[in-house]
C-alpha atoms as a PDB file:
ATOM      1  CA  MET A   1      16.365 -32.702 -28.426  1.00  0.00           C
ATOM      2  CA  ASP A   2      13.220 -32.493 -26.898  1.00  0.00           C
ATOM      3  CA  MET A   3      12.106 -29.052 -26.530  1.00  0.00           C
ATOM      4  CA  SER A   4       9.488 -29.837 -23.384  1.00  0.00           C
ATOM      5  CA  LYS A   5      12.295 -31.333 -21.884  1.00  0.00           C
ATOM      6  CA  VAL A   6      14.561 -28.298 -21.486  1.00  0.00           C
ATOM      7  CA  LEU A   7      11.285 -26.275 -20.804  1.00  0.00           C
ATOM      8  CA  ASP A   8      10.514 -28.263 -18.397  1.00  0.00           C
ATOM      9  CA  THR A   9      13.899 -27.262 -16.375  1.00  0.00           C
ATOM     10  CA  ILE A  10      13.844 -23.559 -16.627  1.00  0.00           C
ATOM     11  CA  ASP A  11      13.514 -21.151 -14.037  1.00  0.00           C
ATOM     12  CA  THR A  12      10.496 -19.795 -15.341  1.00  0.00           C
ATOM     13  CA  GLY A  13       6.556 -20.501 -16.346  1.00  0.00           C
ATOM     14  CA  ILE A  14       5.585 -21.204 -20.128  1.00  0.00           C
ATOM     15  CA  LEU A  15       2.255 -22.435 -20.565  1.00  0.00           C
ATOM     16  CA  THR A  16       0.353 -22.489 -24.284  1.00  0.00           C
ATOM     17  CA  PHE A  17      -3.026 -22.791 -25.026  1.00  0.00           C
ATOM     18  CA  ASP A  18      -5.754 -22.472 -27.869  1.00  0.00           C
ATOM     19  CA  ARG A  19      -8.146 -19.290 -29.788  1.00  0.00           C
ATOM     20  CA  GLU A  20     -10.134 -21.356 -27.135  1.00  0.00           C
ATOM     21  CA  TYR A  21      -8.320 -21.079 -24.100  1.00  0.00           C
ATOM     22  CA  LYS A  22      -7.695 -24.487 -23.685  1.00  0.00           C
ATOM     23  CA  VAL A  23      -4.268 -25.288 -22.253  1.00  0.00           C
ATOM     24  CA  ARG A  24      -2.150 -27.097 -24.942  1.00  0.00           C
ATOM     25  CA  TYR A  25       1.553 -27.017 -22.484  1.00  0.00           C
ATOM     26  CA  TRP A  26       2.120 -26.911 -18.873  1.00  0.00           C
ATOM     27  CA  ASN A  27       5.963 -26.682 -17.894  1.00  0.00           C
ATOM     28  CA  GLY A  28       7.618 -28.108 -14.778  1.00  0.00           C
ATOM     29  CA  TRP A  29       7.644 -24.416 -12.789  1.00  0.00           C
ATOM     30  CA  MET A  30       3.664 -24.008 -13.010  1.00  0.00           C
ATOM     31  CA  THR A  31       3.250 -27.823 -11.860  1.00  0.00           C
ATOM     32  CA  SER A  32       5.852 -26.784  -9.120  1.00  0.00           C
ATOM     33  CA  HIS A  33       3.997 -23.684  -8.431  1.00  0.00           C
ATOM     34  CA  SER A  34       0.632 -24.332  -8.557  1.00  0.00           C
ATOM     35  CA  CYS A  35      -1.536 -27.225  -7.361  1.00  0.00           C
ATOM     36  CA  PHE A  36      -1.968 -28.404 -10.912  1.00  0.00           C
ATOM     37  CA  GLY A  37      -0.202 -31.016 -13.231  1.00  0.00           C
ATOM     38  CA  PRO A  38      -0.435 -31.312 -16.680  1.00  0.00           C
ATOM     39  CA  ASN A  39      -2.705 -34.329 -16.700  1.00  0.00           C
ATOM     40  CA  GLU A  40      -5.375 -32.599 -14.572  1.00  0.00           C
ATOM     41  CA  ILE A  41      -4.840 -29.306 -16.762  1.00  0.00           C
ATOM     42  CA  ILE A  42      -4.031 -29.814 -20.200  1.00  0.00           C
ATOM     43  CA  GLY A  43      -6.797 -29.895 -23.126  1.00  0.00           C
ATOM     44  CA  ARG A  44      -9.156 -28.449 -20.023  1.00  0.00           C
ATOM     45  CA  SER A  45     -10.192 -24.164 -20.691  1.00  0.00           C
ATOM     46  CA  LEU A  46      -7.735 -22.106 -18.228  1.00  0.00           C
ATOM     47  CA  PHE A  47     -10.700 -20.456 -16.552  1.00  0.00           C
ATOM     48  CA  ASP A  48     -11.560 -22.966 -15.023  1.00  0.00           C
ATOM     49  CA  PHE A  49      -8.309 -23.149 -12.771  1.00  0.00           C
ATOM     50  CA  TYR A  50      -7.955 -19.484 -13.446  1.00  0.00           C
ATOM     51  CA  PRO A  51     -11.417 -17.800 -12.951  1.00  0.00           C
ATOM     52  CA  ASN A  52      -9.606 -14.867 -12.508  1.00  0.00           C
ATOM     53  CA  LEU A  53      -7.859 -14.400 -15.776  1.00  0.00           C
ATOM     54  CA  LYS A  54     -11.373 -13.853 -16.957  1.00  0.00           C
ATOM     55  CA  ASN A  55     -11.477 -10.210 -17.048  1.00  0.00           C
ATOM     56  CA  ASN A  56     -11.163  -7.264 -19.452  1.00  0.00           C
ATOM     57  CA  ARG A  57      -7.639  -6.660 -19.870  1.00  0.00           C
ATOM     58  CA  PHE A  58      -6.659 -10.329 -20.248  1.00  0.00           C
ATOM     59  CA  LEU A  59      -8.737 -11.056 -22.396  1.00  0.00           C
ATOM     60  CA  ARG A  60      -7.861  -8.034 -24.627  1.00  0.00           C
ATOM     61  CA  ASN A  61      -4.425  -8.827 -24.407  1.00  0.00           C
ATOM     62  CA  CYS A  62      -4.780 -12.435 -25.993  1.00  0.00           C
ATOM     63  CA  GLN A  63      -7.087 -11.110 -28.953  1.00  0.00           C
ATOM     64  CA  SER A  64      -4.306  -8.174 -29.822  1.00  0.00           C
ATOM     65  CA  VAL A  65      -1.370 -10.620 -29.822  1.00  0.00           C
ATOM     66  CA  LEU A  66      -3.823 -13.157 -31.591  1.00  0.00           C
ATOM     67  CA  THR A  67      -5.035 -10.095 -34.414  1.00  0.00           C
ATOM     68  CA  PHE A  68      -1.724  -8.506 -34.631  1.00  0.00           C
ATOM     69  CA  GLY A  69       0.844 -10.724 -33.688  1.00  0.00           C
ATOM     70  CA  ASN A  70       2.475  -8.711 -31.014  1.00  0.00           C
ATOM     71  CA  LEU A  71       4.083  -9.201 -27.948  1.00  0.00           C
ATOM     72  CA  ALA A  72       1.607  -8.248 -24.726  1.00  0.00           C
ATOM     73  CA  PHE A  73       3.561  -7.556 -21.331  1.00  0.00           C
ATOM     74  CA  PHE A  74       1.876  -7.518 -17.812  1.00  0.00           C
ATOM     75  CA  PRO A  75       5.137  -5.708 -16.639  1.00  0.00           C
ATOM     76  CA  PHE A  76       6.048  -6.176 -12.414  1.00  0.00           C
ATOM     77  CA  ASP A  77       3.719  -4.327 -10.245  1.00  0.00           C
ATOM     78  CA  PRO A  78       3.283  -4.715  -6.203  1.00  0.00           C
ATOM     79  CA  TYR A  79       1.084  -6.629  -5.505  1.00  0.00           C
ATOM     80  CA  ALA A  80      -0.363  -7.833  -9.207  1.00  0.00           C
ATOM     81  CA  TYR A  81      -0.018 -10.985 -10.881  1.00  0.00           C
ATOM     82  CA  LEU A  82      -2.043 -13.212 -13.062  1.00  0.00           C
ATOM     83  CA  PHE A  83      -1.444 -16.581 -11.760  1.00  0.00           C
ATOM     84  CA  PRO A  84      -2.196 -16.543  -7.647  1.00  0.00           C
ATOM     85  CA  MET A  85       0.399 -18.929  -6.545  1.00  0.00           C
ATOM     86  CA  LYS A  86       2.083 -19.282  -3.223  1.00  0.00           C
ATOM     87  CA  PRO A  87       5.485 -17.124  -2.349  1.00  0.00           C
ATOM     88  CA  THR A  88       8.890 -19.184  -1.689  1.00  0.00           C
ATOM     89  CA  GLY A  89      11.284 -19.068   0.819  1.00  0.00           C
ATOM     90  CA  LEU A  90      12.174 -15.724   2.998  1.00  0.00           C
ATOM     91  CA  PHE A  91       9.323 -13.709   1.186  1.00  0.00           C
ATOM     92  CA  LYS A  92       6.087 -16.017   2.614  1.00  0.00           C
ATOM     93  CA  SER A  93       5.459 -13.951   5.348  1.00  0.00           C
ATOM     94  CA  GLU A  94       5.799 -10.715   3.134  1.00  0.00           C
ATOM     95  CA  PHE A  95       3.431 -11.292   0.519  1.00  0.00           C
ATOM     96  CA  LYS A  96       0.183 -13.578   0.648  1.00  0.00           C
ATOM     97  CA  GLN A  97       0.708 -14.375  -3.174  1.00  0.00           C
ATOM     98  CA  MET A  98       3.605 -14.570  -5.916  1.00  0.00           C
ATOM     99  CA  GLN A  99       4.705 -11.390  -7.663  1.00  0.00           C
ATOM    100  CA  GLN A 100       4.902 -11.754 -11.750  1.00  0.00           C
ATOM    101  CA  SER A 101       5.730 -10.102 -14.841  1.00  0.00           C
ATOM    102  CA  CYS A 102       4.052 -12.109 -17.674  1.00  0.00           C
ATOM    103  CA  THR A 103       4.442 -11.918 -21.383  1.00  0.00           C
ATOM    104  CA  ILE A 104       2.046 -13.122 -23.739  1.00  0.00           C
ATOM    105  CA  GLY A 105       3.169 -13.616 -26.975  1.00  0.00           C
ATOM    106  CA  PRO A 106       1.932 -16.089 -30.698  1.00  0.00           C
ATOM    107  CA  LEU A 107       2.907 -18.941 -31.736  1.00  0.00           C
ATOM    108  CA  ARG A 108       2.922 -19.800 -35.538  1.00  0.00           C
ATOM    109  CA  ASP A 109       1.803 -23.215 -37.118  1.00  0.00           C
ATOM    110  CA  GLU A 110       3.756 -23.702 -40.735  1.00  0.00           C
ATOM    111  CA  LYS A 111       1.754 -21.327 -42.954  1.00  0.00           C
ATOM    112  CA  ASN A 112       2.910 -18.530 -40.387  1.00  0.00           C
ATOM    113  CA  GLU A 113      -0.419 -18.708 -39.094  1.00  0.00           C
ATOM    114  CA  ILE A 114      -1.144 -17.745 -34.974  1.00  0.00           C
ATOM    115  CA  VAL A 115      -3.041 -20.757 -33.828  1.00  0.00           C
ATOM    116  CA  SER A 116      -2.603 -20.338 -30.154  1.00  0.00           C
ATOM    117  CA  LEU A 117      -0.031 -18.360 -27.636  1.00  0.00           C
ATOM    118  CA  TYR A 118       2.135 -18.780 -25.246  1.00  0.00           C
ATOM    119  CA  VAL A 119       2.609 -17.243 -21.321  1.00  0.00           C
ATOM    120  CA  SER A 120       5.815 -16.537 -19.802  1.00  0.00           C
ATOM    121  CA  VAL A 121       5.468 -16.094 -15.704  1.00  0.00           C
ATOM    122  CA  ARG A 122       8.808 -14.797 -13.855  1.00  0.00           C
ATOM    123  CA  ASP A 123       8.791 -14.904 -10.029  1.00  0.00           C
ATOM    124  CA  MET A 124       9.171 -11.108  -9.658  1.00  0.00           C
ATOM    125  CA  THR A 125       8.829 -11.415  -5.330  1.00  0.00           C
ATOM    126  CA  GLU A 126      11.732 -10.960  -4.443  1.00  0.00           C
ATOM    127  CA  ALA A 127      12.196  -7.557  -6.459  1.00  0.00           C
ATOM    128  CA  ALA A 128       8.855  -6.458  -4.567  1.00  0.00           C
ATOM    129  CA  SER A 129      10.308  -7.285  -1.360  1.00  0.00           C
ATOM    130  CA  GLN A 130      13.498  -4.615  -2.401  1.00  0.00           C
ATOM    131  CA  GLN A 131      11.085  -2.208  -3.648  1.00  0.00           C
ATOM    132  CA  GLU A 132       8.864  -2.623  -0.638  1.00  0.00           C
ATOM    133  CA  LYS A 133      12.475  -2.146   1.885  1.00  0.00           C
ATOM    134  CA  LEU A 134      13.388   1.325  -0.327  1.00  0.00           C
ATOM    135  CA  ILE A 135       9.631   2.535   0.409  1.00  0.00           C
ATOM    136  CA  GLN A 136      10.164   2.243   3.667  1.00  0.00           C
ATOM    137  CA  LEU A 137      13.635   3.848   3.288  1.00  0.00           C
ATOM    138  CA  THR A 138      12.525   6.842   1.264  1.00  0.00           C
ATOM    139  CA  GLN A 139       8.714   7.473   2.901  1.00  0.00           C
ATOM    140  CA  LEU A 140       8.500   6.199   6.013  1.00  0.00           C
ATOM    141  CA  ASP A 141       9.562   7.658  10.098  1.00  0.00           C
ATOM    142  CA  PRO A 142      11.659   4.717  10.909  1.00  0.00           C
ATOM    143  CA  LEU A 143      11.044   4.802  14.485  1.00  0.00           C
ATOM    144  CA  THR A 144       6.978   5.541  14.452  1.00  0.00           C
ATOM    145  CA  GLY A 145       5.813   3.530  11.035  1.00  0.00           C
ATOM    146  CA  ALA A 146       3.881   6.972  10.101  1.00  0.00           C
ATOM    147  CA  TYR A 147       4.840   8.856   6.839  1.00  0.00           C
ATOM    148  CA  ASN A 148       8.395  11.566   6.781  1.00  0.00           C
ATOM    149  CA  ARG A 149       8.108  14.899   7.009  1.00  0.00           C
ATOM    150  CA  ARG A 150       9.276  14.901   3.159  1.00  0.00           C
ATOM    151  CA  SER A 151       6.205  12.353   1.762  1.00  0.00           C
ATOM    152  CA  LEU A 152       3.437  14.349   3.720  1.00  0.00           C
ATOM    153  CA  THR A 153       4.318  17.539   2.037  1.00  0.00           C
ATOM    154  CA  PHE A 154       3.867  15.548  -1.056  1.00  0.00           C
ATOM    155  CA  PHE A 155       0.236  14.561  -0.138  1.00  0.00           C
ATOM    156  CA  ILE A 156      -0.691  17.641   1.146  1.00  0.00           C
ATOM    157  CA  LYS A 157       0.074  18.990  -2.800  1.00  0.00           C
ATOM    158  CA  GLU A 158      -0.989  15.792  -4.279  1.00  0.00           C
ATOM    159  CA  GLU A 159      -4.102  16.426  -2.654  1.00  0.00           C
ATOM    160  CA  LEU A 160      -4.566  20.280  -2.698  1.00  0.00           C
ATOM    161  CA  TYR A 161      -4.156  19.529  -6.966  1.00  0.00           C
ATOM    162  CA  ARG A 162      -7.067  17.661  -6.219  1.00  0.00           C
ATOM    163  CA  PHE A 163      -8.946  19.768  -4.304  1.00  0.00           C
ATOM    164  CA  LYS A 164      -8.774  22.317  -6.405  1.00  0.00           C
ATOM    165  CA  ARG A 165      -9.724  20.762  -9.761  1.00  0.00           C
ATOM    166  CA  TYR A 166     -12.566  18.642  -7.799  1.00  0.00           C
ATOM    167  CA  HIS A 167     -13.404  20.869  -5.254  1.00  0.00           C
ATOM    168  CA  ARG A 168     -14.071  17.528  -2.785  1.00  0.00           C
ATOM    169  CA  PRO A 169     -13.718  18.214   0.338  1.00  0.00           C
ATOM    170  CA  PHE A 170      -9.689  17.948   2.398  1.00  0.00           C
ATOM    171  CA  SER A 171      -9.250  18.349   6.070  1.00  0.00           C
ATOM    172  CA  VAL A 172      -6.375  18.065   8.137  1.00  0.00           C
ATOM    173  CA  VAL A 173      -5.440  17.341  11.652  1.00  0.00           C
ATOM    174  CA  MET A 174      -2.476  18.237  14.055  1.00  0.00           C
ATOM    175  CA  ILE A 175      -1.342  16.474  17.243  1.00  0.00           C
ATOM    176  CA  ASP A 176       0.887  16.699  19.386  1.00  0.00           C
ATOM    177  CA  ILE A 177       1.436  14.222  22.685  1.00  0.00           C
ATOM    178  CA  ASP A 178       1.282  16.254  25.761  1.00  0.00           C
ATOM    179  CA  HIS A 179       4.222  17.113  28.414  1.00  0.00           C
ATOM    180  CA  PHE A 180       6.780  15.009  25.579  1.00  0.00           C
ATOM    181  CA  LYS A 181       9.866  16.749  27.023  1.00  0.00           C
ATOM    182  CA  ASN A 182       8.609  15.434  31.221  1.00  0.00           C
ATOM    183  CA  ILE A 183       7.670  11.928  29.764  1.00  0.00           C
ATOM    184  CA  ASN A 184      11.654  11.236  28.050  1.00  0.00           C
ATOM    185  CA  ASP A 185      13.120  13.839  30.972  1.00  0.00           C
ATOM    186  CA  GLN A 186      11.020  11.038  34.039  1.00  0.00           C
ATOM    187  CA  HIS A 187      11.213   7.361  32.257  1.00  0.00           C
ATOM    188  CA  GLY A 188      14.272   8.243  29.668  1.00  0.00           C
ATOM    189  CA  HIS A 189      14.039   8.264  25.831  1.00  0.00           C
ATOM    190  CA  LEU A 190      13.997   5.117  24.926  1.00  0.00           C
ATOM    191  CA  PHE A 191      10.609   4.904  26.835  1.00  0.00           C
ATOM    192  CA  GLY A 192       9.704   7.887  25.340  1.00  0.00           C
ATOM    193  CA  ASP A 193      10.538   5.947  21.917  1.00  0.00           C
ATOM    194  CA  GLU A 194       7.992   3.231  23.107  1.00  0.00           C
ATOM    195  CA  VAL A 195       4.895   5.859  23.731  1.00  0.00           C
ATOM    196  CA  LEU A 196       5.624   7.702  20.261  1.00  0.00           C
ATOM    197  CA  LYS A 197       5.064   4.029  18.438  1.00  0.00           C
ATOM    198  CA  SER A 198       2.659   2.879  19.890  1.00  0.00           C
ATOM    199  CA  VAL A 199       0.432   6.054  19.663  1.00  0.00           C
ATOM    200  CA  SER A 200       1.482   6.259  15.993  1.00  0.00           C
ATOM    201  CA  LEU A 201       0.259   2.694  15.497  1.00  0.00           C
ATOM    202  CA  SER A 202      -2.878   3.214  17.570  1.00  0.00           C
ATOM    203  CA  MET A 203      -3.931   6.129  15.123  1.00  0.00           C
ATOM    204  CA  GLN A 204      -2.680   4.170  11.929  1.00  0.00           C
ATOM    205  CA  ASN A 205      -4.820   0.958  12.862  1.00  0.00           C
ATOM    206  CA  ASN A 206      -8.061   3.269  13.766  1.00  0.00           C
ATOM    207  CA  MET A 207      -8.399   5.178  10.669  1.00  0.00           C
ATOM    208  CA  ARG A 208      -9.539   4.557   6.571  1.00  0.00           C
ATOM    209  CA  LYS A 209      -6.128   3.685   4.356  1.00  0.00           C
ATOM    210  CA  LEU A 210      -6.904   6.589   2.659  1.00  0.00           C
ATOM    211  CA  ASN A 211      -5.919   8.624   5.197  1.00  0.00           C
ATOM    212  CA  ARG A 212      -2.188   9.760   5.741  1.00  0.00           C
ATOM    213  CA  LEU A 213      -0.263  10.176   9.348  1.00  0.00           C
ATOM    214  CA  ALA A 214       2.483  11.530   9.192  1.00  0.00           C
ATOM    215  CA  ARG A 215       5.011  12.525  11.726  1.00  0.00           C
ATOM    216  CA  TYR A 216       5.976  16.185  11.655  1.00  0.00           C
ATOM    217  CA  GLY A 217       8.358  16.216  14.283  1.00  0.00           C
ATOM    218  CA  GLY A 218       9.513  15.319  17.455  1.00  0.00           C
ATOM    219  CA  GLU A 219       6.662  14.241  19.501  1.00  0.00           C
ATOM    220  CA  GLU A 220       3.920  15.756  16.723  1.00  0.00           C
ATOM    221  CA  PHE A 221       2.156  13.984  13.510  1.00  0.00           C
ATOM    222  CA  CYS A 222      -0.374  14.735  11.008  1.00  0.00           C
ATOM    223  CA  CYS A 223      -3.376  13.639   9.223  1.00  0.00           C
ATOM    224  CA  ILE A 224      -4.716  14.193   6.022  1.00  0.00           C
ATOM    225  CA  LEU A 225      -7.718  13.367   5.550  1.00  0.00           C
ATOM    226  CA  PRO A 226      -9.568  13.436   1.840  1.00  0.00           C
ATOM    227  CA  GLU A 227     -13.129  13.054   0.953  1.00  0.00           C
ATOM    228  CA  THR A 228     -13.131  14.123   4.821  1.00  0.00           C
ATOM    229  CA  ASP A 229     -15.394  17.514   5.850  1.00  0.00           C
ATOM    230  CA  LEU A 230     -14.748  19.586   9.106  1.00  0.00           C
ATOM    231  CA  LYS A 231     -17.263  17.222  10.697  1.00  0.00           C
ATOM    232  CA  GLY A 232     -15.814  14.042   9.721  1.00  0.00           C
ATOM    233  CA  ALA A 233     -12.498  14.971  10.701  1.00  0.00           C
ATOM    234  CA  SER A 234     -13.124  16.396  14.069  1.00  0.00           C
ATOM    235  CA  ALA A 235     -14.708  13.030  15.087  1.00  0.00           C
ATOM    236  CA  LEU A 236     -11.559  11.543  14.186  1.00  0.00           C
ATOM    237  CA  ALA A 237      -9.209  13.576  15.733  1.00  0.00           C
ATOM    238  CA  GLU A 238     -11.741  13.597  18.917  1.00  0.00           C
ATOM    239  CA  LYS A 239     -11.233   9.236  18.397  1.00  0.00           C
ATOM    240  CA  PHE A 240      -7.914   9.391  18.156  1.00  0.00           C
ATOM    241  CA  ARG A 241      -7.952  11.477  21.659  1.00  0.00           C
ATOM    242  CA  ASN A 242     -10.075   9.221  23.357  1.00  0.00           C
ATOM    243  CA  LEU A 243      -7.759   6.327  22.199  1.00  0.00           C
ATOM    244  CA  ILE A 244      -4.399   7.908  23.119  1.00  0.00           C
ATOM    245  CA  ALA A 245      -6.368   8.950  26.796  1.00  0.00           C
ATOM    246  CA  GLY A 246      -6.578   5.271  27.071  1.00  0.00           C
ATOM    247  CA  LEU A 247      -3.387   3.994  26.716  1.00  0.00           C
ATOM    248  CA  THR A 248      -0.917   2.595  29.134  1.00  0.00           C
ATOM    249  CA  PHE A 249       2.509   2.299  29.355  1.00  0.00           C
ATOM    250  CA  THR A 250       4.185   0.357  32.406  1.00  0.00           C
ATOM    251  CA  SER A 251       7.899   2.294  33.746  1.00  0.00           C
ATOM    252  CA  LYS A 252       9.903   1.393  36.255  1.00  0.00           C
ATOM    253  CA  GLU A 253       7.896   4.144  38.457  1.00  0.00           C
ATOM    254  CA  GLY A 254       4.898   2.009  37.467  1.00  0.00           C
ATOM    255  CA  PRO A 255       2.225   2.799  34.752  1.00  0.00           C
ATOM    256  CA  VAL A 256       2.143   5.912  32.783  1.00  0.00           C
ATOM    257  CA  SER A 257      -1.078   7.946  31.231  1.00  0.00           C
ATOM    258  CA  ILE A 258      -0.547   9.932  28.395  1.00  0.00           C
ATOM    259  CA  THR A 259      -2.996  12.869  26.666  1.00  0.00           C
ATOM    260  CA  ALA A 260      -2.620  14.077  23.762  1.00  0.00           C
ATOM    261  CA  SER A 261      -4.282  17.893  22.139  1.00  0.00           C
ATOM    262  CA  PHE A 262      -5.650  18.539  18.419  1.00  0.00           C
ATOM    263  CA  GLY A 263      -5.888  20.848  16.201  1.00  0.00           C
ATOM    264  CA  VAL A 264      -8.066  20.486  13.158  1.00  0.00           C
ATOM    265  CA  ALA A 265      -9.178  22.349  10.101  1.00  0.00           C
ATOM    266  CA  THR A 266     -10.421  22.047   6.464  1.00  0.00           C
ATOM    267  CA  VAL A 267      -8.604  23.106   2.972  1.00  0.00           C
ATOM    268  CA  GLU A 268     -10.027  25.893   1.418  1.00  0.00           C
ATOM    269  CA  GLU A 269     -10.054  27.930  -2.049  1.00  0.00           C
ATOM    270  CA  ASP A 270      -7.947  30.015  -0.864  1.00  0.00           C
ATOM    271  CA  MET A 271      -4.673  28.409   0.413  1.00  0.00           C
ATOM    272  CA  ASP A 272      -2.740  27.700  -2.375  1.00  0.00           C
ATOM    273  CA  SER A 273       0.429  26.671  -0.355  1.00  0.00           C
ATOM    274  CA  VAL A 274       2.039  23.518   2.058  1.00  0.00           C
ATOM    275  CA  GLU A 275       2.266  25.809   4.507  1.00  0.00           C
ATOM    276  CA  ALA A 276      -1.175  27.838   4.423  1.00  0.00           C
ATOM    277  CA  VAL A 277      -2.843  24.221   4.545  1.00  0.00           C
ATOM    278  CA  LEU A 278      -0.832  23.209   7.440  1.00  0.00           C
ATOM    279  CA  LYS A 279      -1.097  27.025   9.439  1.00  0.00           C
ATOM    280  CA  LYS A 280      -5.308  26.571   9.928  1.00  0.00           C
ATOM    281  CA  PRO A 281      -4.897  23.148  12.034  1.00  0.00           C
ATOM    282  CA  ASP A 282      -1.383  23.773  13.595  1.00  0.00           C
ATOM    283  CA  ASP A 283      -2.723  27.526  14.996  1.00  0.00           C
ATOM    284  CA  ALA A 284      -5.861  25.396  16.427  1.00  0.00           C
ATOM    285  CA  LEU A 285      -3.660  22.723  18.113  1.00  0.00           C
ATOM    286  CA  TYR A 286      -1.304  25.578  19.532  1.00  0.00           C
ATOM    287  CA  ARG A 287      -5.121  27.088  21.295  1.00  0.00           C
ATOM    288  CA  ALA A 288      -5.690  23.403  21.924  1.00  0.00           C
ATOM    289  CA  LYS A 289      -2.078  23.223  23.982  1.00  0.00           C
ATOM    290  CA  THR A 290      -2.362  26.816  25.912  1.00  0.00           C
ATOM    291  CA  SER A 291      -6.020  26.515  26.884  1.00  0.00           C
ATOM    292  CA  GLY A 292      -5.223  23.092  28.995  1.00  0.00           C
ATOM    293  CA  ARG A 293      -3.985  20.506  27.051  1.00  0.00           C
ATOM    294  CA  ASN A 294      -6.035  16.979  25.631  1.00  0.00           C
ATOM    295  CA  LYS A 295      -8.275  18.522  24.126  1.00  0.00           C
ATOM    296  CA  MET A 296      -9.386  18.805  20.688  1.00  0.00           C
ATOM    297  CA  VAL A 297      -9.795  22.856  19.087  1.00  0.00           C
ATOM    298  CA  ILE A 298     -11.121  23.596  15.181  1.00  0.00           C
ATOM    299  CA  ALA A 299      -9.722  26.402  13.288  1.00  0.00           C
ATOM    300  CA  ALA A 300     -11.967  29.224  13.329  1.00  0.00           C
END
């Protein structure tokens, strides 16, 4: 039986290429998930169609397989792939590219000499989707989409270690929505939930990806700012303050505006615990709340 017919029916991508990276085989799965058929890609350089593969990691692994006859693995890792391909089915909205797990292996001739390589490609998008959902369940606050208190503790420990080792600036901003109890009492808890979600989203959309926003508890948030000094942290806090003051919500009684107070501090050498890192910005937040609210106070 022609093995190529069998390989054309399996739910795994299979391709082979020689030492010059010219494609020798391209199975049905690769055809259906890529933009290329065997007639146009076989005999051509793999890099003509996938220039992204011409990188040190891929080339180094191929040479290792050719030299030692071992297997090389590109295991599934979220947002990782070798061959840019569109995801299918339910996952089109979750990922721009199919998530993949790939293996490179040797192909030998009758003299047992390695003459070419094969690559197997497995679609891991469903597994990536499940992993993303698990991360959301364990790391994120379900209401606001910010990180939860447990994640906040982890981030602070991680950044504190980096700060102690590399002496790079690291700051913290504490945020509290003013008079939030009144909002719940006057407009209901569902309305209050919408306020929390909007405030969280506004801050997340207006900061660097490197920063981490967490819900500290109730209507209080904490923002971790790696590689940020006191001046940068103060500027971001003031930006957040203006953003929140500019939000308008519609209740049964009419439009509702809110404000928030901020405490800002930078981490110092004598801080050696999560509690120590949070104390100064928390004290500054308390002073902001007791001195009029809708303001930012920098820790002394």
